[in-house]
Amino acid sequence: ADERPPRPNLLLILADDLGFSDLGCYGGEIETPNLDRLATNGLRFTQFYNTARCWPTRASILTGYYPQAVRRDALPGIGGGAGGTRPKWARLLPELLRPLGYRSYHSGKWHVDGPRLAGGFDRSYSLEDHDRYFAPKTQFEDDVKFPPVEPGSDYYSTTAIAEHAIKCLKEHAARSSDRPFFHYLCFTAPHFPLHARPEDIAKYRDRYAVGWDAVREARWKRLRELGL
């Protein structure tokens, strides 16, 4: 009998600045049918905590430590923060998974110190220009810098990030199907400034005209109906 522990495929999707009740499966008025289906067949947390900011949350997710302990969030009298450098002992998750046979992929926002491949990832698309959803100037593939995206192209960061993830997973299925994978999928959206495609803006243009207080009450009602 095979007594090795199971090695499940791992997909971690991180949405930047997403509110706890924004998704449809958490009472939100925004249509998120695919995520709702995952929630229907999965588990929805009713208690969950993060650091309320981007880079320390990412440091905790990838190292398992409090961000202050790995110099990725500042404390009075102690250095750190967005530019802090992790101690050598604070290894990233892909480094720990590699000895177990995992291949690891990263798609999207990074905001962690150090290059991606040196952190244990086998492939990476890193979008470092967080303020431009349509024409970013700073992006990397496998730690090699790309030229800027020309304004007026059909590039949209959410689509580009998802397409890179799909490309990696197709490549994994074709070449490494005997090995498990870890995919760290990090969308910039809905981080401010929120840039959406015109057709998505048109779809929701009148939905919030009733005012934030009415939207809040409707969400609160749905949250209670969902038992959350």
C-alpha atoms as a PDB file:
ATOM      1  CA  ALA A   1       0.000   0.000   0.000  1.00  0.00           C
ATOM      2  CA  ASP A   2       1.115   3.548  -0.726  1.00  0.00           C
ATOM      3  CA  GLU A   3       1.659   5.151   2.666  1.00  0.00           C
ATOM      4  CA  ARG A   4       2.790   8.531   1.366  1.00  0.00           C
ATOM      5  CA  PRO A   5       0.639  11.456   2.544  1.00  0.00           C
ATOM      6  CA  PRO A   6      -1.707  12.909  -0.066  1.00  0.00           C
ATOM      7  CA  ARG A   7      -0.321  15.714  -2.217  1.00  0.00           C
ATOM      8  CA  PRO A   8      -3.338  17.754  -3.353  1.00  0.00           C
ATOM      9  CA  ASN A   9      -3.120  20.399  -6.032  1.00  0.00           C
ATOM     10  CA  LEU A  10      -3.321  23.844  -4.413  1.00  0.00           C
ATOM     11  CA  LEU A  11      -4.834  26.953  -5.982  1.00  0.00           C
ATOM     12  CA  LEU A  12      -4.770  30.103  -3.849  1.00  0.00           C
ATOM     13  CA  ILE A  13      -6.701  33.051  -5.321  1.00  0.00           C
ATOM     14  CA  LEU A  14      -5.985  36.430  -3.728  1.00  0.00           C
ATOM     15  CA  ALA A  15      -8.172  39.452  -4.510  1.00  0.00           C
ATOM     16  CA  ASP A  16      -6.667  42.757  -3.450  1.00  0.00           C
ATOM     17  CA  ASP A  17      -8.837  44.925  -1.128  1.00  0.00           C
ATOM     18  CA  LEU A  18     -11.947  42.809  -1.616  1.00  0.00           C
ATOM     19  CA  GLY A  19     -14.604  43.575   1.006  1.00  0.00           C
ATOM     20  CA  PHE A  20     -15.905  40.679   3.091  1.00  0.00           C
ATOM     21  CA  SER A  21     -19.433  41.061   1.697  1.00  0.00           C
ATOM     22  CA  ASP A  22     -18.560  41.996  -1.902  1.00  0.00           C
ATOM     23  CA  LEU A  23     -18.975  38.535  -3.434  1.00  0.00           C
ATOM     24  CA  GLY A  24     -22.408  37.184  -4.307  1.00  0.00           C
ATOM     25  CA  CYS A  25     -21.887  34.178  -2.029  1.00  0.00           C
ATOM     26  CA  TYR A  26     -21.400  36.613   0.865  1.00  0.00           C
ATOM     27  CA  GLY A  27     -24.468  38.714   0.152  1.00  0.00           C
ATOM     28  CA  GLY A  28     -23.003  41.146  -2.350  1.00  0.00           C
ATOM     29  CA  GLU A  29     -24.860  42.584  -5.321  1.00  0.00           C
ATOM     30  CA  ILE A  30     -21.857  42.036  -7.611  1.00  0.00           C
ATOM     31  CA  GLU A  31     -22.322  38.995  -9.861  1.00  0.00           C
ATOM     32  CA  THR A  32     -19.639  36.390  -9.133  1.00  0.00           C
ATOM     33  CA  PRO A  33     -21.220  33.139 -10.383  1.00  0.00           C
ATOM     34  CA  ASN A  34     -18.042  31.054 -10.646  1.00  0.00           C
ATOM     35  CA  LEU A  35     -16.912  31.910  -7.127  1.00  0.00           C
ATOM     36  CA  ASP A  36     -20.462  31.351  -5.900  1.00  0.00           C
ATOM     37  CA  ARG A  37     -20.371  27.808  -7.328  1.00  0.00           C
ATOM     38  CA  LEU A  38     -17.097  27.137  -5.548  1.00  0.00           C
ATOM     39  CA  ALA A  39     -18.655  28.361  -2.303  1.00  0.00           C
ATOM     40  CA  THR A  40     -21.759  26.205  -2.794  1.00  0.00           C
ATOM     41  CA  ASN A  41     -19.604  23.092  -3.035  1.00  0.00           C
ATOM     42  CA  GLY A  42     -17.027  24.234  -0.496  1.00  0.00           C
ATOM     43  CA  LEU A  43     -16.632  26.110   2.761  1.00  0.00           C
ATOM     44  CA  ARG A  44     -17.367  29.742   3.542  1.00  0.00           C
ATOM     45  CA  PHE A  45     -15.550  31.214   6.513  1.00  0.00           C
ATOM     46  CA  THR A  46     -17.526  33.328   8.980  1.00  0.00           C
ATOM     47  CA  GLN A  47     -14.409  34.374  10.900  1.00  0.00           C
ATOM     48  CA  PHE A  48     -11.299  35.357   9.017  1.00  0.00           C
ATOM     49  CA  TYR A  49      -8.532  37.830   9.731  1.00  0.00           C
ATOM     50  CA  ASN A  50      -5.859  39.563   7.706  1.00  0.00           C
ATOM     51  CA  THR A  51      -3.518  42.468   8.319  1.00  0.00           C
ATOM     52  CA  ALA A  52      -5.782  44.998   6.529  1.00  0.00           C
ATOM     53  CA  ARG A  53      -2.978  45.875   4.108  1.00  0.00           C
ATOM     54  CA  CYS A  54      -1.408  44.296   1.074  1.00  0.00           C
ATOM     55  CA  TRP A  55       2.254  43.502   1.637  1.00  0.00           C
ATOM     56  CA  PRO A  56       2.060  42.235   5.249  1.00  0.00           C
ATOM     57  CA  THR A  57      -0.867  39.981   4.356  1.00  0.00           C
ATOM     58  CA  ARG A  58       1.103  38.499   1.466  1.00  0.00           C
ATOM     59  CA  ALA A  59       4.135  37.964   3.675  1.00  0.00           C
ATOM     60  CA  SER A  60       2.007  36.043   6.177  1.00  0.00           C
ATOM     61  CA  ILE A  61       0.368  33.927   3.481  1.00  0.00           C
ATOM     62  CA  LEU A  62       3.677  32.921   1.894  1.00  0.00           C
ATOM     63  CA  THR A  63       5.821  32.495   5.051  1.00  0.00           C
ATOM     64  CA  GLY A  64       3.339  31.502   7.763  1.00  0.00           C
ATOM     65  CA  TYR A  65       4.783  34.113  10.125  1.00  0.00           C
ATOM     66  CA  TYR A  66       3.434  37.352  11.522  1.00  0.00           C
ATOM     67  CA  PRO A  67       4.607  40.069   9.106  1.00  0.00           C
ATOM     68  CA  GLN A  68       6.369  42.002  11.877  1.00  0.00           C
ATOM     69  CA  ALA A  69       8.465  38.910  12.609  1.00  0.00           C
ATOM     70  CA  VAL A  70       9.715  38.786   9.025  1.00  0.00           C
ATOM     71  CA  ARG A  71      10.258  42.582   8.664  1.00  0.00           C
ATOM     72  CA  ARG A  72       7.351  43.047   6.300  1.00  0.00           C
ATOM     73  CA  ASP A  73       5.425  45.369   8.580  1.00  0.00           C
ATOM     74  CA  ALA A  74       6.877  48.096  10.770  1.00  0.00           C
ATOM     75  CA  LEU A  75       6.615  48.429  14.530  1.00  0.00           C
ATOM     76  CA  PRO A  76       7.633  51.497  16.584  1.00  0.00           C
ATOM     77  CA  GLY A  77      11.404  51.458  16.862  1.00  0.00           C
ATOM     78  CA  ILE A  78      11.730  48.488  14.508  1.00  0.00           C
ATOM     79  CA  GLY A  79      12.338  48.716  10.793  1.00  0.00           C
ATOM     80  CA  GLY A  80      10.244  46.982   8.186  1.00  0.00           C
ATOM     81  CA  GLY A  81       7.189  47.749   6.122  1.00  0.00           C
ATOM     82  CA  ALA A  82       6.707  47.607   2.381  1.00  0.00           C
ATOM     83  CA  GLY A  83      10.456  47.757   1.783  1.00  0.00           C
ATOM     84  CA  GLY A  84      11.466  45.368   4.533  1.00  0.00           C
ATOM     85  CA  THR A  85      13.629  42.349   3.727  1.00  0.00           C
ATOM     86  CA  ARG A  86      12.752  38.945   5.117  1.00  0.00           C
ATOM     87  CA  PRO A  87      15.316  37.105   7.249  1.00  0.00           C
ATOM     88  CA  LYS A  88      16.898  34.155   5.457  1.00  0.00           C
ATOM     89  CA  TRP A  89      15.022  31.720   7.686  1.00  0.00           C
ATOM     90  CA  ALA A  90      11.645  33.098   6.489  1.00  0.00           C
ATOM     91  CA  ARG A  91      11.378  30.944   3.395  1.00  0.00           C
ATOM     92  CA  LEU A  92       8.424  31.167   1.040  1.00  0.00           C
ATOM     93  CA  LEU A  93       5.895  28.365   0.710  1.00  0.00           C
ATOM     94  CA  PRO A  94       7.089  27.111  -2.713  1.00  0.00           C
ATOM     95  CA  GLU A  95      10.541  26.445  -1.251  1.00  0.00           C
ATOM     96  CA  LEU A  96       8.932  24.196   1.347  1.00  0.00           C
ATOM     97  CA  LEU A  97       6.715  22.449  -1.203  1.00  0.00           C
ATOM     98  CA  ARG A  98       9.472  21.724  -3.722  1.00  0.00           C
ATOM     99  CA  PRO A  99      11.019  18.815  -1.719  1.00  0.00           C
ATOM    100  CA  LEU A 100       7.547  17.232  -1.732  1.00  0.00           C
ATOM    101  CA  GLY A 101       7.533  17.195  -5.524  1.00  0.00           C
ATOM    102  CA  TYR A 102       5.420  20.305  -6.136  1.00  0.00           C
ATOM    103  CA  ARG A 103       5.811  22.696  -9.030  1.00  0.00           C
ATOM    104  CA  SER A 104       4.801  26.239  -8.102  1.00  0.00           C
ATOM    105  CA  TYR A 105       3.400  29.042 -10.215  1.00  0.00           C
ATOM    106  CA  HIS A 106       2.697  32.722  -9.588  1.00  0.00           C
ATOM    107  CA  SER A 107       0.408  34.974 -11.618  1.00  0.00           C
ATOM    108  CA  GLY A 108      -0.287  38.630 -10.854  1.00  0.00           C
ATOM    109  CA  LYS A 109       0.662  41.032  -8.119  1.00  0.00           C
ATOM    110  CA  TRP A 110       3.754  40.240  -6.046  1.00  0.00           C
ATOM    111  CA  HIS A 111       4.548  42.939  -3.436  1.00  0.00           C
ATOM    112  CA  VAL A 112       6.881  40.597  -1.536  1.00  0.00           C
ATOM    113  CA  ASP A 113      10.614  41.234  -1.254  1.00  0.00           C
ATOM    114  CA  GLY A 114      12.943  39.330  -3.546  1.00  0.00           C
ATOM    115  CA  PRO A 115      12.604  37.778  -6.998  1.00  0.00           C
ATOM    116  CA  ARG A 116       9.924  35.181  -7.624  1.00  0.00           C
ATOM    117  CA  LEU A 117      11.929  32.293  -9.044  1.00  0.00           C
ATOM    118  CA  ALA A 118      14.507  32.582  -6.260  1.00  0.00           C
ATOM    119  CA  GLY A 119      11.573  32.274  -3.860  1.00  0.00           C
ATOM    120  CA  GLY A 120      10.782  28.822  -5.202  1.00  0.00           C
ATOM    121  CA  PHE A 121       8.366  29.514  -8.046  1.00  0.00           C
ATOM    122  CA  ASP A 122       8.945  27.677 -11.319  1.00  0.00           C
ATOM    123  CA  ARG A 123       7.039  30.182 -13.452  1.00  0.00           C
ATOM    124  CA  SER A 124       5.834  33.711 -12.757  1.00  0.00           C
ATOM    125  CA  TYR A 125       4.006  36.609 -14.356  1.00  0.00           C
ATOM    126  CA  SER A 126       4.417  39.614 -12.093  1.00  0.00           C
ATOM    127  CA  LEU A 127       2.465  42.826 -12.617  1.00  0.00           C
ATOM    128  CA  GLU A 128       4.181  45.525 -10.562  1.00  0.00           C
ATOM    129  CA  ASP A 129       2.345  48.541 -11.998  1.00  0.00           C
ATOM    130  CA  HIS A 130      -0.678  48.504  -9.702  1.00  0.00           C
ATOM    131  CA  ASP A 131      -2.199  51.785 -10.903  1.00  0.00           C
ATOM    132  CA  ARG A 132      -2.631  50.883 -14.563  1.00  0.00           C
ATOM    133  CA  TYR A 133      -5.097  48.153 -15.438  1.00  0.00           C
ATOM    134  CA  PHE A 134      -4.979  48.824 -19.196  1.00  0.00           C
ATOM    135  CA  ALA A 135      -1.416  49.934 -19.972  1.00  0.00           C
ATOM    136  CA  PRO A 136       1.065  48.857 -17.270  1.00  0.00           C
ATOM    137  CA  LYS A 137       4.667  49.940 -17.590  1.00  0.00           C
ATOM    138  CA  THR A 138       6.259  47.472 -15.170  1.00  0.00           C
ATOM    139  CA  GLN A 139       5.689  43.744 -15.608  1.00  0.00           C
ATOM    140  CA  PHE A 140       7.894  40.662 -15.523  1.00  0.00           C
ATOM    141  CA  GLU A 141       7.715  37.093 -16.772  1.00  0.00           C
ATOM    142  CA  ASP A 142      10.016  34.678 -14.938  1.00  0.00           C
ATOM    143  CA  ASP A 143      11.737  37.758 -13.449  1.00  0.00           C
ATOM    144  CA  VAL A 144      12.578  39.187 -16.888  1.00  0.00           C
ATOM    145  CA  LYS A 145      11.118  42.642 -17.485  1.00  0.00           C
ATOM    146  CA  PHE A 146       8.613  43.107 -20.310  1.00  0.00           C
ATOM    147  CA  PRO A 147       8.310  46.267 -22.399  1.00  0.00           C
ATOM    148  CA  PRO A 148       5.426  48.575 -21.397  1.00  0.00           C
ATOM    149  CA  VAL A 149       1.967  47.834 -22.768  1.00  0.00           C
ATOM    150  CA  GLU A 150       0.979  50.388 -25.387  1.00  0.00           C
ATOM    151  CA  PRO A 151      -2.119  52.465 -24.544  1.00  0.00           C
ATOM    152  CA  GLY A 152      -5.103  51.549 -26.691  1.00  0.00           C
ATOM    153  CA  SER A 153      -4.346  47.821 -26.836  1.00  0.00           C
ATOM    154  CA  ASP A 154      -6.863  45.209 -25.674  1.00  0.00           C
ATOM    155  CA  TYR A 155      -4.757  44.426 -22.575  1.00  0.00           C
ATOM    156  CA  TYR A 156      -6.640  44.287 -19.262  1.00  0.00           C
ATOM    157  CA  SER A 157      -4.754  43.183 -16.165  1.00  0.00           C
ATOM    158  CA  THR A 158      -7.415  40.845 -14.744  1.00  0.00           C
ATOM    159  CA  THR A 159      -7.636  38.974 -18.045  1.00  0.00           C
ATOM    160  CA  ALA A 160      -3.851  38.894 -18.517  1.00  0.00           C
ATOM    161  CA  ILE A 161      -3.292  37.489 -15.021  1.00  0.00           C
ATOM    162  CA  ALA A 162      -5.948  34.794 -15.526  1.00  0.00           C
ATOM    163  CA  GLU A 163      -4.578  33.877 -18.949  1.00  0.00           C
ATOM    164  CA  HIS A 164      -1.096  33.405 -17.531  1.00  0.00           C
ATOM    165  CA  ALA A 165      -2.490  31.106 -14.837  1.00  0.00           C
ATOM    166  CA  ILE A 166      -4.328  29.049 -17.460  1.00  0.00           C
ATOM    167  CA  LYS A 167      -1.169  28.849 -19.570  1.00  0.00           C
ATOM    168  CA  CYS A 168       0.829  27.548 -16.591  1.00  0.00           C
ATOM    169  CA  LEU A 169      -1.775  24.952 -15.677  1.00  0.00           C
ATOM    170  CA  LYS A 170      -2.068  23.724 -19.261  1.00  0.00           C
ATOM    171  CA  GLU A 171       1.704  23.438 -19.423  1.00  0.00           C
ATOM    172  CA  HIS A 172       1.689  21.550 -16.123  1.00  0.00           C
ATOM    173  CA  ALA A 173      -0.954  19.114 -17.375  1.00  0.00           C
ATOM    174  CA  ALA A 174       1.042  18.496 -20.547  1.00  0.00           C
ATOM    175  CA  ARG A 175       4.529  18.146 -19.042  1.00  0.00           C
ATOM    176  CA  SER A 176       4.252  17.531 -15.289  1.00  0.00           C
ATOM    177  CA  SER A 177       0.931  15.775 -14.711  1.00  0.00           C
ATOM    178  CA  ASP A 178       2.643  13.267 -12.419  1.00  0.00           C
ATOM    179  CA  ARG A 179       3.492  16.041  -9.960  1.00  0.00           C
ATOM    180  CA  PRO A 180       1.193  18.192  -7.777  1.00  0.00           C
ATOM    181  CA  PHE A 181       1.074  21.954  -8.277  1.00  0.00           C
ATOM    182  CA  PHE A 182       0.725  25.067  -6.138  1.00  0.00           C
ATOM    183  CA  HIS A 183      -0.620  28.110  -7.959  1.00  0.00           C
ATOM    184  CA  TYR A 184      -0.547  31.536  -6.306  1.00  0.00           C
ATOM    185  CA  LEU A 185      -3.033  33.622  -8.326  1.00  0.00           C
ATOM    186  CA  CYS A 186      -3.072  37.292  -7.304  1.00  0.00           C
ATOM    187  CA  PHE A 187      -5.390  39.728  -9.017  1.00  0.00           C
ATOM    188  CA  THR A 188      -4.789  43.459  -8.738  1.00  0.00           C
ATOM    189  CA  ALA A 189      -8.547  44.096  -8.796  1.00  0.00           C
ATOM    190  CA  PRO A 190     -10.361  45.430  -6.901  1.00  0.00           C
ATOM    191  CA  HIS A 191      -7.440  47.470  -5.519  1.00  0.00           C
ATOM    192  CA  PHE A 192      -7.779  51.241  -5.914  1.00  0.00           C
ATOM    193  CA  PRO A 193      -7.793  52.825  -8.468  1.00  0.00           C
ATOM    194  CA  LEU A 194     -10.397  50.420  -9.808  1.00  0.00           C
ATOM    195  CA  HIS A 195     -10.286  50.413 -13.605  1.00  0.00           C
ATOM    196  CA  ALA A 196     -12.983  48.361 -15.315  1.00  0.00           C
ATOM    197  CA  ARG A 197     -13.880  47.612 -18.906  1.00  0.00           C
ATOM    198  CA  PRO A 198     -16.574  49.902 -20.334  1.00  0.00           C
ATOM    199  CA  GLU A 199     -19.084  47.065 -20.689  1.00  0.00           C
ATOM    200  CA  ASP A 200     -18.712  46.178 -16.995  1.00  0.00           C
ATOM    201  CA  ILE A 201     -19.140  49.800 -15.958  1.00  0.00           C
ATOM    202  CA  ALA A 202     -22.293  50.018 -18.068  1.00  0.00           C
ATOM    203  CA  LYS A 203     -23.682  46.865 -16.479  1.00  0.00           C
ATOM    204  CA  TYR A 204     -23.458  48.295 -12.964  1.00  0.00           C
ATOM    205  CA  ARG A 205     -23.929  51.987 -13.751  1.00  0.00           C
ATOM    206  CA  ASP A 206     -27.370  52.293 -12.140  1.00  0.00           C
ATOM    207  CA  ARG A 207     -27.035  49.611  -9.467  1.00  0.00           C
ATOM    208  CA  TYR A 208     -25.597  51.958  -6.856  1.00  0.00           C
ATOM    209  CA  ALA A 209     -27.778  54.964  -7.640  1.00  0.00           C
ATOM    210  CA  VAL A 210     -30.008  54.050  -4.665  1.00  0.00           C
ATOM    211  CA  GLY A 211     -27.204  55.122  -2.323  1.00  0.00           C
ATOM    212  CA  TRP A 212     -24.660  53.367  -0.133  1.00  0.00           C
ATOM    213  CA  ASP A 213     -27.044  53.048   2.806  1.00  0.00           C
ATOM    214  CA  ALA A 214     -29.631  51.149   0.749  1.00  0.00           C
ATOM    215  CA  VAL A 215     -26.912  48.898  -0.692  1.00  0.00           C
ATOM    216  CA  ARG A 216     -25.623  48.239   2.821  1.00  0.00           C
ATOM    217  CA  GLU A 217     -29.069  47.296   4.134  1.00  0.00           C
ATOM    218  CA  ALA A 218     -29.679  44.941   1.207  1.00  0.00           C
ATOM    219  CA  ARG A 219     -26.335  43.235   1.801  1.00  0.00           C
ATOM    220  CA  TRP A 220     -27.019  42.919   5.521  1.00  0.00           C
ATOM    221  CA  LYS A 221     -30.387  41.325   4.783  1.00  0.00           C
ATOM    222  CA  ARG A 222     -28.836  38.791   2.395  1.00  0.00           C
ATOM    223  CA  LEU A 223     -26.030  37.992   4.854  1.00  0.00           C
ATOM    224  CA  ARG A 224     -28.587  37.105   7.517  1.00  0.00           C
ATOM    225  CA  GLU A 225     -30.596  35.009   5.052  1.00  0.00           C
ATOM    226  CA  LEU A 226     -27.413  33.126   4.147  1.00  0.00           C
ATOM    227  CA  GLY A 227     -26.692  32.467   7.815  1.00  0.00           C
ATOM    228  CA  LEU A 228     -23.431  34.398   7.675  1.00  0.00           C
END
